Structures are given as C-alpha cells and as structure tokens.
Amino acid sequence: MTPAPQSGAAPALRPDDHPATTAYIGLGANLGDAAAALGAAAR
C-alpha cells in the first residue's frame, strides 16, 4: 500500500516508525480531513 499524500496533519512520520503505526497515523489524518470537510459542508 502506498501512503496517500498528506496535507501536513501528520508531519512527524519517521522511517523507523512501525508500519502499522505509520498507517494508523495516516488514516487518522485522512479521517480528520474528511471530518473537517464534512463539518464545513454541514454549515
């Protein structure tokens, strides 16, 4: 799985991080961006 482009929400990713941790942080950033977009659209 190739990492999705990040919007800077998770800048602290390091190559020595565990892959699962990296994927979880990336997923959290993506979900956060989606939640922010939905919140803005709901206004």
N, C-alpha and C. Protein backbone atom coordinates (compact mmCIF):
# COMPACT_ATOMS: atom_id res chain seq x y z
N MET A 1 0.86 -1.20 0.00
CA MET A 1 0.00 0.00 0.00
C MET A 1 0.89 1.24 0.00
N THR A 2 0.69 2.10 -0.94
CA THR A 2 1.47 3.33 -0.98
C THR A 2 0.77 4.39 -0.14
N PRO A 3 1.50 5.14 0.66
CA PRO A 3 0.88 6.16 1.51
C PRO A 3 0.22 7.25 0.69
N ALA A 4 -0.93 7.68 1.15
CA ALA A 4 -1.63 8.77 0.46
C ALA A 4 -0.91 10.08 0.74
N PRO A 5 -1.00 11.03 -0.17
CA PRO A 5 -0.39 12.34 0.08
C PRO A 5 -0.99 12.99 1.33
N GLN A 6 -0.14 13.49 2.19
CA GLN A 6 -0.62 14.08 3.43
C GLN A 6 -0.72 15.60 3.30
N SER A 7 -1.65 16.17 4.03
CA SER A 7 -1.84 17.62 3.98
C SER A 7 -1.07 18.31 5.11
N GLY A 8 -0.11 17.60 5.70
CA GLY A 8 0.67 18.18 6.78
C GLY A 8 0.06 17.94 8.14
N ALA A 9 -0.99 17.12 8.23
CA ALA A 9 -1.62 16.87 9.52
C ALA A 9 -0.76 15.94 10.37
N ALA A 10 0.07 15.12 9.73
CA ALA A 10 0.94 14.21 10.48
C ALA A 10 2.38 14.37 10.01
N PRO A 11 3.04 15.45 10.43
CA PRO A 11 4.39 15.74 9.92
C PRO A 11 5.49 14.93 10.59
N ALA A 12 5.17 14.22 11.69
CA ALA A 12 6.22 13.60 12.49
C ALA A 12 6.50 12.15 12.09
N LEU A 13 6.10 11.74 10.89
CA LEU A 13 6.36 10.37 10.47
C LEU A 13 7.85 10.18 10.22
N ARG A 14 8.39 9.11 10.80
CA ARG A 14 9.81 8.82 10.63
C ARG A 14 9.95 7.43 10.02
N PRO A 15 11.01 7.19 9.22
CA PRO A 15 11.18 5.88 8.59
C PRO A 15 11.29 4.75 9.60
N ASP A 16 11.72 5.03 10.82
CA ASP A 16 11.87 3.96 11.81
C ASP A 16 10.58 3.67 12.57
N ASP A 17 9.51 4.40 12.26
CA ASP A 17 8.23 4.10 12.88
C ASP A 17 7.73 2.75 12.40
N HIS A 18 7.00 2.08 13.26
CA HIS A 18 6.42 0.79 12.86
C HIS A 18 5.42 1.04 11.74
N PRO A 19 5.41 0.20 10.70
CA PRO A 19 4.48 0.42 9.56
C PRO A 19 3.03 0.54 10.00
N ALA A 20 2.62 -0.25 10.99
CA ALA A 20 1.22 -0.18 11.44
C ALA A 20 0.95 1.18 12.07
N THR A 21 1.91 1.68 12.84
CA THR A 21 1.75 3.00 13.46
C THR A 21 1.65 4.07 12.39
N THR A 22 2.52 3.98 11.39
CA THR A 22 2.52 4.96 10.30
C THR A 22 1.18 4.94 9.57
N ALA A 23 0.70 3.73 9.28
CA ALA A 23 -0.57 3.61 8.56
C ALA A 23 -1.71 4.16 9.42
N TYR A 24 -1.66 3.89 10.74
CA TYR A 24 -2.73 4.36 11.62
C TYR A 24 -2.74 5.88 11.68
N ILE A 25 -1.56 6.48 11.80
CA ILE A 25 -1.47 7.95 11.84
C ILE A 25 -1.97 8.54 10.53
N GLY A 26 -1.57 7.93 9.41
CA GLY A 26 -2.03 8.42 8.11
C GLY A 26 -3.53 8.31 7.97
N LEU A 27 -4.09 7.18 8.45
CA LEU A 27 -5.54 7.00 8.39
C LEU A 27 -6.22 8.05 9.25
N GLY A 28 -5.69 8.30 10.44
CA GLY A 28 -6.28 9.30 11.32
C GLY A 28 -6.27 10.68 10.67
N ALA A 29 -5.17 11.01 9.99
CA ALA A 29 -5.09 12.32 9.32
C ALA A 29 -6.13 12.40 8.20
N ASN A 30 -6.27 11.30 7.45
CA ASN A 30 -7.24 11.31 6.36
C ASN A 30 -8.66 11.43 6.91
N LEU A 31 -8.95 10.71 7.99
CA LEU A 31 -10.29 10.80 8.58
C LEU A 31 -10.52 12.19 9.14
N GLY A 32 -9.49 12.78 9.72
CA GLY A 32 -9.63 14.14 10.25
C GLY A 32 -9.93 15.14 9.14
N ASP A 33 -9.25 14.99 8.00
CA ASP A 33 -9.51 15.89 6.87
C ASP A 33 -10.93 15.70 6.37
N ALA A 34 -11.38 14.44 6.30
CA ALA A 34 -12.74 14.16 5.82
C ALA A 34 -13.77 14.74 6.79
N ALA A 35 -13.51 14.59 8.09
CA ALA A 35 -14.45 15.12 9.08
C ALA A 35 -14.51 16.64 9.00
N ALA A 36 -13.36 17.27 8.80
CA ALA A 36 -13.33 18.73 8.68
C ALA A 36 -14.10 19.18 7.44
N ALA A 37 -13.94 18.44 6.34
CA ALA A 37 -14.64 18.81 5.11
C ALA A 37 -16.15 18.63 5.29
N LEU A 38 -16.54 17.55 5.95
CA LEU A 38 -17.97 17.31 6.18
C LEU A 38 -18.53 18.40 7.12
N GLY A 39 -17.75 18.75 8.13
CA GLY A 39 -18.21 19.79 9.05
C GLY A 39 -18.40 21.12 8.33
N ALA A 40 -17.47 21.45 7.43
CA ALA A 40 -17.58 22.71 6.69
C ALA A 40 -18.78 22.67 5.75
N ALA A 41 -19.04 21.50 5.17
CA ALA A 41 -20.16 21.39 4.24
C ALA A 41 -21.50 21.44 4.97
N ALA A 42 -21.48 21.03 6.25
CA ALA A 42 -22.74 20.97 7.00
C ALA A 42 -23.15 22.36 7.49
N ARG A 43 -22.24 23.32 7.44
CA ARG A 43 -22.59 24.66 7.93
C ARG A 43 -23.55 25.36 6.98
